Amino acid sequence: MKGQKRFIKSAIAASKADAPAMPWTRGARRVAFIAKRNGEDLAQAA
């Protein structure tokens, strides 16, 4: 129960924030991971 309350509070706080972090704003490391997962060349992914 305690963890669930903390999750709900976190979700509410994130929804009240001006702009929640979008997946594509997380940086080069994520782009590299997605490119590797999709079997693409990194130069093509960027």
Protein backbone atom coordinates (compact mmCIF):
# COMPACT_ATOMS: atom_id res chain seq x y z
CA MET A 1 0.00 0.00 0.00
CA LYS A 2 2.77 2.43 0.91
CA GLY A 3 4.50 2.03 -2.45
CA GLN A 4 1.20 2.47 -4.26
CA LYS A 5 0.53 5.76 -2.48
CA ARG A 6 4.01 6.98 -3.38
CA PHE A 7 3.43 6.03 -7.03
CA ILE A 8 0.10 7.87 -7.12
CA LYS A 9 1.69 10.99 -5.61
CA SER A 10 4.48 10.78 -8.17
CA ALA A 11 2.02 10.41 -11.05
CA ILE A 12 -0.03 13.37 -9.86
CA ALA A 13 3.06 15.52 -9.48
CA ALA A 14 4.23 14.59 -12.98
CA SER A 15 0.84 15.41 -14.47
CA LYS A 16 0.88 18.85 -12.83
CA ALA A 17 4.34 19.66 -14.21
CA ASP A 18 4.43 22.03 -17.17
CA ALA A 19 6.06 19.63 -19.59
CA PRO A 20 6.75 16.03 -18.61
CA ALA A 21 9.91 14.54 -20.09
CA MET A 22 9.21 13.00 -23.47
CA PRO A 23 11.10 9.83 -24.49
CA TRP A 24 12.86 11.56 -27.39
CA THR A 25 14.39 14.20 -25.10
CA ARG A 26 16.44 11.72 -23.09
CA GLY A 27 19.64 12.08 -25.06
CA ALA A 28 22.16 10.33 -27.24
CA ARG A 29 22.42 7.22 -25.06
CA ARG A 30 18.76 6.39 -25.70
CA VAL A 31 19.11 7.05 -29.44
CA ALA A 32 22.06 4.67 -29.54
CA PHE A 33 20.13 2.00 -27.64
CA ILE A 34 17.11 2.26 -29.95
CA ALA A 35 19.32 2.13 -33.03
CA LYS A 36 21.09 -0.97 -31.72
CA ARG A 37 17.76 -2.61 -30.86
CA ASN A 38 16.40 -1.90 -34.34
CA GLY A 39 19.60 -3.07 -36.01
CA GLU A 40 20.24 0.32 -37.60
CA ASP A 41 23.50 2.08 -38.14
CA LEU A 42 23.93 4.88 -35.57
CA ALA A 43 24.56 7.45 -38.32
CA GLN A 44 21.16 6.62 -39.84
CA ALA A 45 19.36 6.88 -36.49
CA ALA A 46 20.54 10.41 -35.70
